[in-house]
Amino acid sequence: PHVEKRQLAAAVAEVAAAALETAKAETKARLEAAKVAGAALAEGAGAEPVVALLDGEMDAKAVDAATIAFKAAAPETPVLLLGLAKGALSAVALVPAAASTKLSAKEWVAEALAS
């Protein structure tokens, strides 16, 4: 019985480690996809604000990664990105300093989420 218990514990640890590795790989892939999506949204963006819901399961970290990629590609364009994952909505807004007198990121997110 003692040997079986150790074998079972080792098998459980092995499955847990594999599940953790899978979760890490999925998170990394999701963040990379979010960065690509953010950069793609920035292509051709002008001075007009951009509002977009990201495709797929995009949690707060993914929305943040997409927003950073957007800002790197279009630093002067206000952006509000939204993501939905596991029933939770995440929103990140960035407003460049030049537009901040007309638009507040905090108010923009609050208004968008109130609708």
PDB file of N, CA and C in Angstrom:
ATOM      1  N   PRO A   1       0.807  -1.207   0.000  1.00  0.00           N
ATOM      2  CA  PRO A   1       0.000   0.000   0.000  1.00  0.00           C
ATOM      3  C   PRO A   1       0.851   1.272   0.000  1.00  0.00           C
ATOM      4  N   HIS A   2       1.965   1.249   0.737  1.00  0.00           N
ATOM      5  CA  HIS A   2       2.806   2.442   0.820  1.00  0.00           C
ATOM      6  C   HIS A   2       3.431   2.766  -0.537  1.00  0.00           C
ATOM      7  N   VAL A   3       3.851   1.747  -1.248  1.00  0.00           N
ATOM      8  CA  VAL A   3       4.445   1.928  -2.572  1.00  0.00           C
ATOM      9  C   VAL A   3       3.406   2.492  -3.527  1.00  0.00           C
ATOM     10  N   GLU A   4       2.199   1.982  -3.477  1.00  0.00           N
ATOM     11  CA  GLU A   4       1.137   2.467  -4.349  1.00  0.00           C
ATOM     12  C   GLU A   4       0.841   3.943  -4.085  1.00  0.00           C
ATOM     13  N   LYS A   5       0.871   4.333  -2.822  1.00  0.00           N
ATOM     14  CA  LYS A   5       0.594   5.721  -2.467  1.00  0.00           C
ATOM     15  C   LYS A   5       1.660   6.641  -3.055  1.00  0.00           C
ATOM     16  N   ARG A   6       2.933   6.234  -2.962  1.00  0.00           N
ATOM     17  CA  ARG A   6       4.008   7.045  -3.548  1.00  0.00           C
ATOM     18  C   ARG A   6       3.893   7.106  -5.066  1.00  0.00           C
ATOM     19  N   GLN A   7       3.551   5.982  -5.681  1.00  0.00           N
ATOM     20  CA  GLN A   7       3.389   5.966  -7.133  1.00  0.00           C
ATOM     21  C   GLN A   7       2.234   6.875  -7.558  1.00  0.00           C
ATOM     22  N   LEU A   8       1.161   6.820  -6.808  1.00  0.00           N
ATOM     23  CA  LEU A   8       0.000   7.655  -7.113  1.00  0.00           C
ATOM     24  C   LEU A   8       0.343   9.133  -6.935  1.00  0.00           C
ATOM     25  N   ALA A   9       1.053   9.452  -5.859  1.00  0.00           N
ATOM     26  CA  ALA A   9       1.461  10.839  -5.621  1.00  0.00           C
ATOM     27  C   ALA A   9       2.380  11.332  -6.738  1.00  0.00           C
ATOM     28  N   ALA A  10       3.290  10.477  -7.187  1.00  0.00           N
ATOM     29  CA  ALA A  10       4.189  10.845  -8.286  1.00  0.00           C
ATOM     30  C   ALA A  10       3.414  11.063  -9.575  1.00  0.00           C
ATOM     31  N   ALA A  11       2.428  10.223  -9.831  1.00  0.00           N
ATOM     32  CA  ALA A  11       1.608  10.377 -11.040  1.00  0.00           C
ATOM     33  C   ALA A  11       0.809  11.672 -10.986  1.00  0.00           C
ATOM     34  N   VAL A  12       0.263  12.001  -9.819  1.00  0.00           N
ATOM     35  CA  VAL A  12      -0.496  13.249  -9.658  1.00  0.00           C
ATOM     36  C   VAL A  12       0.420  14.445  -9.874  1.00  0.00           C
ATOM     37  N   ALA A  13       1.622  14.404  -9.312  1.00  0.00           N
ATOM     38  CA  ALA A  13       2.585  15.493  -9.486  1.00  0.00           C
ATOM     39  C   ALA A  13       2.962  15.664 -10.952  1.00  0.00           C
ATOM     40  N   GLU A  14       3.102  14.561 -11.657  1.00  0.00           N
ATOM     41  CA  GLU A  14       3.455  14.599 -13.078  1.00  0.00           C
ATOM     42  C   GLU A  14       2.336  15.244 -13.901  1.00  0.00           C
ATOM     43  N   VAL A  15       1.106  14.864 -13.624  1.00  0.00           N
ATOM     44  CA  VAL A  15      -0.034  15.447 -14.330  1.00  0.00           C
ATOM     45  C   VAL A  15      -0.163  16.929 -14.003  1.00  0.00           C
ATOM     46  N   ALA A  16       0.033  17.306 -12.745  1.00  0.00           N
ATOM     47  CA  ALA A  16      -0.042  18.713 -12.343  1.00  0.00           C
ATOM     48  C   ALA A  16       1.032  19.536 -13.047  1.00  0.00           C
ATOM     49  N   ALA A  17       2.239  18.999 -13.143  1.00  0.00           N
ATOM     50  CA  ALA A  17       3.324  19.706 -13.826  1.00  0.00           C
ATOM     51  C   ALA A  17       3.013  19.886 -15.311  1.00  0.00           C
ATOM     52  N   ALA A  18       2.462  18.866 -15.925  1.00  0.00           N
ATOM     53  CA  ALA A  18       2.095  18.961 -17.344  1.00  0.00           C
ATOM     54  C   ALA A  18       0.991  19.989 -17.548  1.00  0.00           C
ATOM     55  N   ALA A  19       0.025  20.018 -16.652  1.00  0.00           N
ATOM     56  CA  ALA A  19      -1.065  20.993 -16.751  1.00  0.00           C
ATOM     57  C   ALA A  19      -0.541  22.421 -16.587  1.00  0.00           C
ATOM     58  N   LEU A  20       0.398  22.607 -15.681  1.00  0.00           N
ATOM     59  CA  LEU A  20       1.006  23.917 -15.479  1.00  0.00           C
ATOM     60  C   LEU A  20       1.759  24.366 -16.725  1.00  0.00           C
ATOM     61  N   GLU A  21       2.512  23.482 -17.320  1.00  0.00           N
ATOM     62  CA  GLU A  21       3.248  23.811 -18.545  1.00  0.00           C
ATOM     63  C   GLU A  21       2.298  24.166 -19.684  1.00  0.00           C
ATOM     64  N   THR A  22       1.210  23.429 -19.797  1.00  0.00           N
ATOM     65  CA  THR A  22       0.211  23.716 -20.826  1.00  0.00           C
ATOM     66  C   THR A  22      -0.405  25.086 -20.602  1.00  0.00           C
ATOM     67  N   ALA A  23      -0.740  25.392 -19.357  1.00  0.00           N
ATOM     68  CA  ALA A  23      -1.336  26.696 -19.027  1.00  0.00           C
ATOM     69  C   ALA A  23      -0.369  27.830 -19.344  1.00  0.00           C
ATOM     70  N   LYS A  24       0.915  27.635 -19.024  1.00  0.00           N
ATOM     71  CA  LYS A  24       1.919  28.655 -19.332  1.00  0.00           C
ATOM     72  C   LYS A  24       2.037  28.875 -20.837  1.00  0.00           C
ATOM     73  N   ALA A  25       2.041  27.804 -21.593  1.00  0.00           N
ATOM     74  CA  ALA A  25       2.141  27.910 -23.051  1.00  0.00           C
ATOM     75  C   ALA A  25       0.914  28.612 -23.633  1.00  0.00           C
ATOM     76  N   GLU A  26      -0.257  28.288 -23.118  1.00  0.00           N
ATOM     77  CA  GLU A  26      -1.481  28.937 -23.592  1.00  0.00           C
ATOM     78  C   GLU A  26      -1.476  30.425 -23.263  1.00  0.00           C
ATOM     79  N   THR A  27      -1.008  30.785 -22.080  1.00  0.00           N
ATOM     80  CA  THR A  27      -0.924  32.196 -21.689  1.00  0.00           C
ATOM     81  C   THR A  27       0.040  32.943 -22.598  1.00  0.00           C
ATOM     82  N   LYS A  28       1.190  32.334 -22.848  1.00  0.00           N
ATOM     83  CA  LYS A  28       2.175  32.972 -23.725  1.00  0.00           C
ATOM     84  C   LYS A  28       1.606  33.168 -25.127  1.00  0.00           C
ATOM     85  N   ALA A  29       0.924  32.177 -25.649  1.00  0.00           N
ATOM     86  CA  ALA A  29       0.322  32.271 -26.983  1.00  0.00           C
ATOM     87  C   ALA A  29      -0.763  33.350 -27.018  1.00  0.00           C
ATOM     88  N   ARG A  30      -1.567  33.428 -25.955  1.00  0.00           N
ATOM     89  CA  ARG A  30      -2.634  34.429 -25.889  1.00  0.00           C
ATOM     90  C   ARG A  30      -2.042  35.841 -25.863  1.00  0.00           C
ATOM     91  N   LEU A  31      -0.964  36.030 -25.103  1.00  0.00           N
ATOM     92  CA  LEU A  31      -0.328  37.347 -25.032  1.00  0.00           C
ATOM     93  C   LEU A  31       0.288  37.726 -26.375  1.00  0.00           C
ATOM     94  N   GLU A  32       0.899  36.774 -27.044  1.00  0.00           N
ATOM     95  CA  GLU A  32       1.469  37.051 -28.373  1.00  0.00           C
ATOM     96  C   GLU A  32       0.367  37.402 -29.368  1.00  0.00           C
ATOM     97  N   ALA A  33      -0.737  36.674 -29.327  1.00  0.00           N
ATOM     98  CA  ALA A  33      -1.868  36.970 -30.217  1.00  0.00           C
ATOM     99  C   ALA A  33      -2.426  38.358 -29.926  1.00  0.00           C
ATOM    100  N   ALA A  34      -2.461  38.736 -28.657  1.00  0.00           N
ATOM    101  CA  ALA A  34      -2.957  40.063 -28.282  1.00  0.00           C
ATOM    102  C   ALA A  34      -2.038  41.158 -28.811  1.00  0.00           C
ATOM    103  N   LYS A  35      -0.729  40.940 -28.729  1.00  0.00           N
ATOM    104  CA  LYS A  35       0.222  41.920 -29.254  1.00  0.00           C
ATOM    105  C   LYS A  35       0.051  42.096 -30.759  1.00  0.00           C
ATOM    106  N   VAL A  36      -0.117  40.984 -31.458  1.00  0.00           N
ATOM    107  CA  VAL A  36      -0.325  41.035 -32.909  1.00  0.00           C
ATOM    108  C   VAL A  36      -1.622  41.789 -33.222  1.00  0.00           C
ATOM    109  N   ALA A  37      -2.670  41.511 -32.465  1.00  0.00           N
ATOM    110  CA  ALA A  37      -3.957  42.177 -32.683  1.00  0.00           C
ATOM    111  C   ALA A  37      -3.849  43.673 -32.421  1.00  0.00           C
ATOM    112  N   GLY A  38      -3.154  44.049 -31.365  1.00  0.00           N
ATOM    113  CA  GLY A  38      -2.978  45.469 -31.053  1.00  0.00           C
ATOM    114  C   GLY A  38      -2.225  46.202 -32.151  1.00  0.00           C
ATOM    115  N   ALA A  39      -1.157  45.601 -32.632  1.00  0.00           N
ATOM    116  CA  ALA A  39      -0.377  46.212 -33.709  1.00  0.00           C
ATOM    117  C   ALA A  39      -1.196  46.300 -34.993  1.00  0.00           C
ATOM    118  N   ALA A  40      -1.987  45.265 -35.272  1.00  0.00           N
ATOM    119  CA  ALA A  40      -2.822  45.265 -36.485  1.00  0.00           C
ATOM    120  C   ALA A  40      -3.883  46.362 -36.419  1.00  0.00           C
ATOM    121  N   LEU A  41      -4.457  46.572 -35.242  1.00  0.00           N
ATOM    122  CA  LEU A  41      -5.453  47.638 -35.096  1.00  0.00           C
ATOM    123  C   LEU A  41      -4.833  49.016 -35.309  1.00  0.00           C
ATOM    124  N   ALA A  42      -3.576  49.145 -34.964  1.00  0.00           N
ATOM    125  CA  ALA A  42      -2.896  50.434 -35.107  1.00  0.00           C
ATOM    126  C   ALA A  42      -2.556  50.759 -36.557  1.00  0.00           C
ATOM    127  N   GLU A  43      -2.448  49.717 -37.394  1.00  0.00           N
ATOM    128  CA  GLU A  43      -2.124  49.963 -38.802  1.00  0.00           C
ATOM    129  C   GLU A  43      -3.210  50.808 -39.435  1.00  0.00           C
ATOM    130  N   GLY A  44      -2.813  51.889 -40.007  1.00  0.00           N
ATOM    131  CA  GLY A  44      -3.762  52.764 -40.685  1.00  0.00           C
ATOM    132  C   GLY A  44      -4.581  53.642 -39.748  1.00  0.00           C
ATOM    133  N   ALA A  45      -4.323  53.556 -38.451  1.00  0.00           N
ATOM    134  CA  ALA A  45      -5.056  54.409 -37.511  1.00  0.00           C
ATOM    135  C   ALA A  45      -4.588  55.844 -37.681  1.00  0.00           C
ATOM    136  N   GLY A  46      -5.539  56.746 -37.687  1.00  0.00           N
ATOM    137  CA  GLY A  46      -5.220  58.164 -37.784  1.00  0.00           C
ATOM    138  C   GLY A  46      -5.318  58.805 -36.415  1.00  0.00           C
ATOM    139  N   ALA A  47      -5.832  60.020 -36.401  1.00  0.00           N
ATOM    140  CA  ALA A  47      -5.961  60.745 -35.136  1.00  0.00           C
ATOM    141  C   ALA A  47      -7.260  60.409 -34.417  1.00  0.00           C
ATOM    142  N   GLU A  48      -8.205  59.799 -35.140  1.00  0.00           N
ATOM    143  CA  GLU A  48      -9.490  59.464 -34.532  1.00  0.00           C
ATOM    144  C   GLU A  48      -9.326  58.338 -33.519  1.00  0.00           C
ATOM    145  N   PRO A  49     -10.051  58.413 -32.419  1.00  0.00           N
ATOM    146  CA  PRO A  49      -9.966  57.344 -31.416  1.00  0.00           C
ATOM    147  C   PRO A  49     -10.376  55.983 -31.988  1.00  0.00           C
ATOM    148  N   VAL A  50      -9.734  54.942 -31.500  1.00  0.00           N
ATOM    149  CA  VAL A  50     -10.020  53.571 -31.920  1.00  0.00           C
ATOM    150  C   VAL A  50     -10.635  52.830 -30.734  1.00  0.00           C
ATOM    151  N   VAL A  51     -11.761  52.173 -30.978  1.00  0.00           N
ATOM    152  CA  VAL A  51     -12.417  51.344 -29.977  1.00  0.00           C
ATOM    153  C   VAL A  51     -12.592  49.964 -30.596  1.00  0.00           C
ATOM    154  N   ALA A  52     -12.134  48.927 -29.885  1.00  0.00           N
ATOM    155  CA  ALA A  52     -12.235  47.582 -30.454  1.00  0.00           C
ATOM    156  C   ALA A  52     -12.369  46.538 -29.354  1.00  0.00           C
ATOM    157  N   LEU A  53     -13.134  45.499 -29.683  1.00  0.00           N
ATOM    158  CA  LEU A  53     -13.235  44.311 -28.846  1.00  0.00           C
ATOM    159  C   LEU A  53     -12.307  43.271 -29.452  1.00  0.00           C
ATOM    160  N   LEU A  54     -11.345  42.807 -28.683  1.00  0.00           N
ATOM    161  CA  LEU A  54     -10.383  41.826 -29.170  1.00  0.00           C
ATOM    162  C   LEU A  54     -11.046  40.466 -29.323  1.00  0.00           C
ATOM    163  N   ASP A  55     -10.680  39.750 -30.372  1.00  0.00           N
ATOM    164  CA  ASP A  55     -11.228  38.420 -30.626  1.00  0.00           C
ATOM    165  C   ASP A  55     -10.614  37.391 -29.695  1.00  0.00           C
ATOM    166  N   GLY A  56     -11.381  36.379 -29.382  1.00  0.00           N
ATOM    167  CA  GLY A  56     -10.879  35.268 -28.576  1.00  0.00           C
ATOM    168  C   GLY A  56     -10.955  35.553 -27.084  1.00  0.00           C
ATOM    169  N   GLU A  57     -10.411  34.635 -26.322  1.00  0.00           N
ATOM    170  CA  GLU A  57     -10.377  34.764 -24.863  1.00  0.00           C
ATOM    171  C   GLU A  57      -9.251  35.724 -24.494  1.00  0.00           C
ATOM    172  N   MET A  58      -9.584  36.967 -24.220  1.00  0.00           N
ATOM    173  CA  MET A  58      -8.588  37.979 -23.897  1.00  0.00           C
ATOM    174  C   MET A  58      -8.841  38.521 -22.496  1.00  0.00           C
ATOM    175  N   ASP A  59      -7.990  38.116 -21.559  1.00  0.00           N
ATOM    176  CA  ASP A  59      -8.116  38.581 -20.183  1.00  0.00           C
ATOM    177  C   ASP A  59      -7.437  39.946 -20.037  1.00  0.00           C
ATOM    178  N   ALA A  60      -7.381  40.451 -18.812  1.00  0.00           N
ATOM    179  CA  ALA A  60      -6.818  41.778 -18.565  1.00  0.00           C
ATOM    180  C   ALA A  60      -5.362  41.888 -19.020  1.00  0.00           C
ATOM    181  N   LYS A  61      -4.565  40.855 -18.785  1.00  0.00           N
ATOM    182  CA  LYS A  61      -3.160  40.890 -19.217  1.00  0.00           C
ATOM    183  C   LYS A  61      -3.056  40.961 -20.734  1.00  0.00           C
ATOM    184  N   ALA A  62      -3.909  40.236 -21.421  1.00  0.00           N
ATOM    185  CA  ALA A  62      -3.879  40.232 -22.881  1.00  0.00           C
ATOM    186  C   ALA A  62      -4.322  41.591 -23.433  1.00  0.00           C
ATOM    187  N   VAL A  63      -5.357  42.179 -22.835  1.00  0.00           N
ATOM    188  CA  VAL A  63      -5.826  43.501 -23.282  1.00  0.00           C
ATOM    189  C   VAL A  63      -4.725  44.532 -23.054  1.00  0.00           C
ATOM    190  N   ASP A  64      -4.049  44.436 -21.925  1.00  0.00           N
ATOM    191  CA  ASP A  64      -2.945  45.344 -21.640  1.00  0.00           C
ATOM    192  C   ASP A  64      -1.823  45.177 -22.665  1.00  0.00           C
ATOM    193  N   ALA A  65      -1.479  43.944 -23.002  1.00  0.00           N
ATOM    194  CA  ALA A  65      -0.430  43.684 -23.996  1.00  0.00           C
ATOM    195  C   ALA A  65      -0.821  44.247 -25.364  1.00  0.00           C
ATOM    196  N   ALA A  66      -2.081  44.084 -25.738  1.00  0.00           N
ATOM    197  CA  ALA A  66      -2.566  44.612 -27.020  1.00  0.00           C
ATOM    198  C   ALA A  66      -2.503  46.135 -27.032  1.00  0.00           C
ATOM    199  N   THR A  67      -2.847  46.743 -25.914  1.00  0.00           N
ATOM    200  CA  THR A  67      -2.828  48.207 -25.821  1.00  0.00           C
ATOM    201  C   THR A  67      -1.404  48.738 -25.929  1.00  0.00           C
ATOM    202  N   ILE A  68      -0.473  48.079 -25.283  1.00  0.00           N
ATOM    203  CA  ILE A  68       0.932  48.496 -25.367  1.00  0.00           C
ATOM    204  C   ILE A  68       1.449  48.367 -26.797  1.00  0.00           C
ATOM    205  N   ALA A  69       1.085  47.283 -27.479  1.00  0.00           N
ATOM    206  CA  ALA A  69       1.501  47.105 -28.878  1.00  0.00           C
ATOM    207  C   ALA A  69       0.865  48.177 -29.764  1.00  0.00           C
ATOM    208  N   PHE A  70      -0.390  48.513 -29.495  1.00  0.00           N
ATOM    209  CA  PHE A  70      -1.070  49.562 -30.254  1.00  0.00           C
ATOM    210  C   PHE A  70      -0.334  50.884 -30.064  1.00  0.00           C
ATOM    211  N   LYS A  71      -0.043  51.219 -28.821  1.00  0.00           N
ATOM    212  CA  LYS A  71       0.617  52.489 -28.513  1.00  0.00           C
ATOM    213  C   LYS A  71       1.984  52.582 -29.185  1.00  0.00           C
ATOM    214  N   ALA A  72       2.708  51.459 -29.234  1.00  0.00           N
ATOM    215  CA  ALA A  72       4.022  51.457 -29.878  1.00  0.00           C
ATOM    216  C   ALA A  72       3.900  51.757 -31.369  1.00  0.00           C
ATOM    217  N   ALA A  73       2.817  51.285 -31.988  1.00  0.00           N
ATOM    218  CA  ALA A  73       2.631  51.468 -33.428  1.00  0.00           C
ATOM    219  C   ALA A  73       1.927  52.776 -33.783  1.00  0.00           C
ATOM    220  N   ALA A  74       1.087  53.275 -32.883  1.00  0.00           N
ATOM    221  CA  ALA A  74       0.332  54.513 -33.149  1.00  0.00           C
ATOM    222  C   ALA A  74       0.278  55.351 -31.865  1.00  0.00           C
ATOM    223  N   PRO A  75       1.399  55.951 -31.497  1.00  0.00           N
ATOM    224  CA  PRO A  75       1.483  56.639 -30.206  1.00  0.00           C
ATOM    225  C   PRO A  75       0.583  57.863 -30.049  1.00  0.00           C
ATOM    226  N   GLU A  76       0.125  58.430 -31.141  1.00  0.00           N
ATOM    227  CA  GLU A  76      -0.702  59.638 -31.057  1.00  0.00           C
ATOM    228  C   GLU A  76      -2.198  59.370 -31.187  1.00  0.00           C
ATOM    229  N   THR A  77      -2.591  58.110 -31.252  1.00  0.00           N
ATOM    230  CA  THR A  77      -3.998  57.755 -31.425  1.00  0.00           C
ATOM    231  C   THR A  77      -4.595  57.266 -30.109  1.00  0.00           C
ATOM    232  N   PRO A  78      -5.684  57.903 -29.657  1.00  0.00           N
ATOM    233  CA  PRO A  78      -6.372  57.394 -28.472  1.00  0.00           C
ATOM    234  C   PRO A  78      -6.958  56.012 -28.769  1.00  0.00           C
ATOM    235  N   VAL A  79      -6.894  55.119 -27.785  1.00  0.00           N
ATOM    236  CA  VAL A  79      -7.373  53.754 -28.006  1.00  0.00           C
ATOM    237  C   VAL A  79      -8.085  53.232 -26.765  1.00  0.00           C
ATOM    238  N   LEU A  80      -9.179  52.511 -27.008  1.00  0.00           N
ATOM    239  CA  LEU A  80      -9.902  51.804 -25.960  1.00  0.00           C
ATOM    240  C   LEU A  80     -10.077  50.374 -26.448  1.00  0.00           C
ATOM    241  N   LEU A  81      -9.414  49.443 -25.788  1.00  0.00           N
ATOM    242  CA  LEU A  81      -9.498  48.036 -26.165  1.00  0.00           C
ATOM    243  C   LEU A  81     -10.232  47.267 -25.081  1.00  0.00           C
ATOM    244  N   LEU A  82     -11.060  46.336 -25.523  1.00  0.00           N
ATOM    245  CA  LEU A  82     -11.851  45.513 -24.618  1.00  0.00           C
ATOM    246  C   LEU A  82     -11.561  44.048 -24.887  1.00  0.00           C
ATOM    247  N   GLY A  83     -11.631  43.256 -23.846  1.00  0.00           N
ATOM    248  CA  GLY A  83     -11.440  41.821 -23.977  1.00  0.00           C
ATOM    249  C   GLY A  83     -12.404  41.089 -23.066  1.00  0.00           C
ATOM    250  N   LEU A  84     -12.764  39.904 -23.472  1.00  0.00           N
ATOM    251  CA  LEU A  84     -13.696  39.089 -22.693  1.00  0.00           C
ATOM    252  C   LEU A  84     -13.071  37.719 -22.469  1.00  0.00           C
ATOM    253  N   ALA A  85     -12.996  37.315 -21.204  1.00  0.00           N
ATOM    254  CA  ALA A  85     -12.459  36.005 -20.860  1.00  0.00           C
ATOM    255  C   ALA A  85     -13.174  35.480 -19.620  1.00  0.00           C
ATOM    256  N   LYS A  86     -13.672  34.275 -19.721  1.00  0.00           N
ATOM    257  CA  LYS A  86     -14.349  33.615 -18.605  1.00  0.00           C
ATOM    258  C   LYS A  86     -15.462  34.481 -18.017  1.00  0.00           C
ATOM    259  N   GLY A  87     -16.188  35.170 -18.885  1.00  0.00           N
ATOM    260  CA  GLY A  87     -17.318  35.974 -18.459  1.00  0.00           C
ATOM    261  C   GLY A  87     -16.959  37.323 -17.870  1.00  0.00           C
ATOM    262  N   ALA A  88     -15.691  37.678 -17.850  1.00  0.00           N
ATOM    263  CA  ALA A  88     -15.257  38.965 -17.306  1.00  0.00           C
ATOM    264  C   ALA A  88     -14.792  39.878 -18.435  1.00  0.00           C
ATOM    265  N   LEU A  89     -15.256  41.116 -18.394  1.00  0.00           N
ATOM    266  CA  LEU A  89     -14.876  42.111 -19.395  1.00  0.00           C
ATOM    267  C   LEU A  89     -13.721  42.937 -18.857  1.00  0.00           C
ATOM    268  N   SER A  90     -12.691  43.114 -19.672  1.00  0.00           N
ATOM    269  CA  SER A  90     -11.538  43.948 -19.317  1.00  0.00           C
ATOM    270  C   SER A  90     -11.463  45.086 -20.314  1.00  0.00           C
ATOM    271  N   ALA A  91     -11.125  46.266 -19.829  1.00  0.00           N
ATOM    272  CA  ALA A  91     -11.009  47.434 -20.696  1.00  0.00           C
ATOM    273  C   ALA A  91      -9.754  48.214 -20.323  1.00  0.00           C
ATOM    274  N   VAL A  92      -9.027  48.661 -21.359  1.00  0.00           N
ATOM    275  CA  VAL A  92      -7.859  49.509 -21.160  1.00  0.00           C
ATOM    276  C   VAL A  92      -7.939  50.640 -22.168  1.00  0.00           C
ATOM    277  N   ALA A  93      -7.783  51.862 -21.675  1.00  0.00           N
ATOM    278  CA  ALA A  93      -7.782  53.029 -22.554  1.00  0.00           C
ATOM    279  C   ALA A  93      -6.471  53.776 -22.383  1.00  0.00           C
ATOM    280  N   LEU A  94      -5.958  54.272 -23.495  1.00  0.00           N
ATOM    281  CA  LEU A  94      -4.785  55.137 -23.490  1.00  0.00           C
ATOM    282  C   LEU A  94      -5.110  56.379 -24.296  1.00  0.00           C
ATOM    283  N   VAL A  95      -4.836  57.527 -23.706  1.00  0.00           N
ATOM    284  CA  VAL A  95      -5.064  58.795 -24.391  1.00  0.00           C
ATOM    285  C   VAL A  95      -3.729  59.536 -24.392  1.00  0.00           C
ATOM    286  N   PRO A  96      -3.205  59.858 -25.579  1.00  0.00           N
ATOM    287  CA  PRO A  96      -1.947  60.602 -25.653  1.00  0.00           C
ATOM    288  C   PRO A  96      -2.099  61.979 -25.005  1.00  0.00           C
ATOM    289  N   ALA A  97      -1.002  62.526 -24.550  1.00  0.00           N
ATOM    290  CA  ALA A  97      -1.019  63.821 -23.874  1.00  0.00           C
ATOM    291  C   ALA A  97      -1.674  64.898 -24.725  1.00  0.00           C
ATOM    292  N   ALA A  98      -1.434  64.869 -26.036  1.00  0.00           N
ATOM    293  CA  ALA A  98      -1.994  65.893 -26.922  1.00  0.00           C
ATOM    294  C   ALA A  98      -3.517  65.882 -26.943  1.00  0.00           C
ATOM    295  N   ALA A  99      -4.120  64.724 -26.704  1.00  0.00           N
ATOM    296  CA  ALA A  99      -5.578  64.612 -26.739  1.00  0.00           C
ATOM    297  C   ALA A  99      -6.200  64.620 -25.346  1.00  0.00           C
ATOM    298  N   SER A 100      -5.382  64.646 -24.312  1.00  0.00           N
ATOM    299  CA  SER A 100      -5.905  64.500 -22.953  1.00  0.00           C
ATOM    300  C   SER A 100      -6.734  65.684 -22.481  1.00  0.00           C
ATOM    301  N   THR A 101      -6.625  66.828 -23.141  1.00  0.00           N
ATOM    302  CA  THR A 101      -7.474  67.961 -22.742  1.00  0.00           C
ATOM    303  C   THR A 101      -8.902  67.766 -23.232  1.00  0.00           C
ATOM    304  N   LYS A 102      -9.082  66.961 -24.286  1.00  0.00           N
ATOM    305  CA  LYS A 102     -10.410  66.705 -24.846  1.00  0.00           C
ATOM    306  C   LYS A 102     -11.015  65.404 -24.346  1.00  0.00           C
ATOM    307  N   LEU A 103     -10.153  64.462 -23.947  1.00  0.00           N
ATOM    308  CA  LEU A 103     -10.606  63.108 -23.645  1.00  0.00           C
ATOM    309  C   LEU A 103      -9.848  62.554 -22.446  1.00  0.00           C
ATOM    310  N   SER A 104     -10.580  62.054 -21.462  1.00  0.00           N
ATOM    311  CA  SER A 104      -9.975  61.434 -20.289  1.00  0.00           C
ATOM    312  C   SER A 104     -10.123  59.920 -20.404  1.00  0.00           C
ATOM    313  N   ALA A 105      -9.032  59.202 -20.255  1.00  0.00           N
ATOM    314  CA  ALA A 105      -9.081  57.743 -20.355  1.00  0.00           C
ATOM    315  C   ALA A 105     -10.018  57.166 -19.294  1.00  0.00           C
ATOM    316  N   LYS A 106      -9.946  57.697 -18.100  1.00  0.00           N
ATOM    317  CA  LYS A 106     -10.787  57.204 -17.005  1.00  0.00           C
ATOM    318  C   LYS A 106     -12.269  57.402 -17.323  1.00  0.00           C
ATOM    319  N   GLU A 107     -12.624  58.586 -17.784  1.00  0.00           N
ATOM    320  CA  GLU A 107     -14.026  58.864 -18.127  1.00  0.00           C
ATOM    321  C   GLU A 107     -14.475  58.053 -19.340  1.00  0.00           C
ATOM    322  N   TRP A 108     -13.581  57.853 -20.286  1.00  0.00           N
ATOM    323  CA  TRP A 108     -13.894  57.089 -21.486  1.00  0.00           C
ATOM    324  C   TRP A 108     -14.248  55.649 -21.120  1.00  0.00           C
ATOM    325  N   VAL A 109     -13.424  55.032 -20.281  1.00  0.00           N
ATOM    326  CA  VAL A 109     -13.693  53.656 -19.853  1.00  0.00           C
ATOM    327  C   VAL A 109     -14.986  53.604 -19.061  1.00  0.00           C
ATOM    328  N   ALA A 110     -15.185  54.535 -18.151  1.00  0.00           N
ATOM    329  CA  ALA A 110     -16.399  54.545 -17.332  1.00  0.00           C
ATOM    330  C   ALA A 110     -17.640  54.674 -18.200  1.00  0.00           C
ATOM    331  N   GLU A 111     -17.595  55.550 -19.183  1.00  0.00           N
ATOM    332  CA  GLU A 111     -18.736  55.754 -20.090  1.00  0.00           C
ATOM    333  C   GLU A 111     -18.979  54.511 -20.952  1.00  0.00           C
ATOM    334  N   ALA A 112     -17.902  53.922 -21.446  1.00  0.00           N
ATOM    335  CA  ALA A 112     -18.049  52.730 -22.292  1.00  0.00           C
ATOM    336  C   ALA A 112     -18.642  51.564 -21.506  1.00  0.00           C
ATOM    337  N   LEU A 113     -18.222  51.389 -20.285  1.00  0.00           N
ATOM    338  CA  LEU A 113     -18.708  50.282 -19.473  1.00  0.00           C
ATOM    339  C   LEU A 113     -20.110  50.530 -18.924  1.00  0.00           C
ATOM    340  N   ALA A 114     -20.512  51.794 -18.846  1.00  0.00           N
ATOM    341  CA  ALA A 114     -21.853  52.125 -18.357  1.00  0.00           C
ATOM    342  C   ALA A 114     -22.915  51.865 -19.424  1.00  0.00           C
ATOM    343  N   SER A 115     -22.495  51.864 -20.689  1.00  0.00           N
ATOM    344  CA  SER A 115     -23.450  51.692 -21.793  1.00  0.00           C
ATOM    345  C   SER A 115     -23.937  50.273 -21.887  1.00  0.00           C
TER     346      SER A 115
END
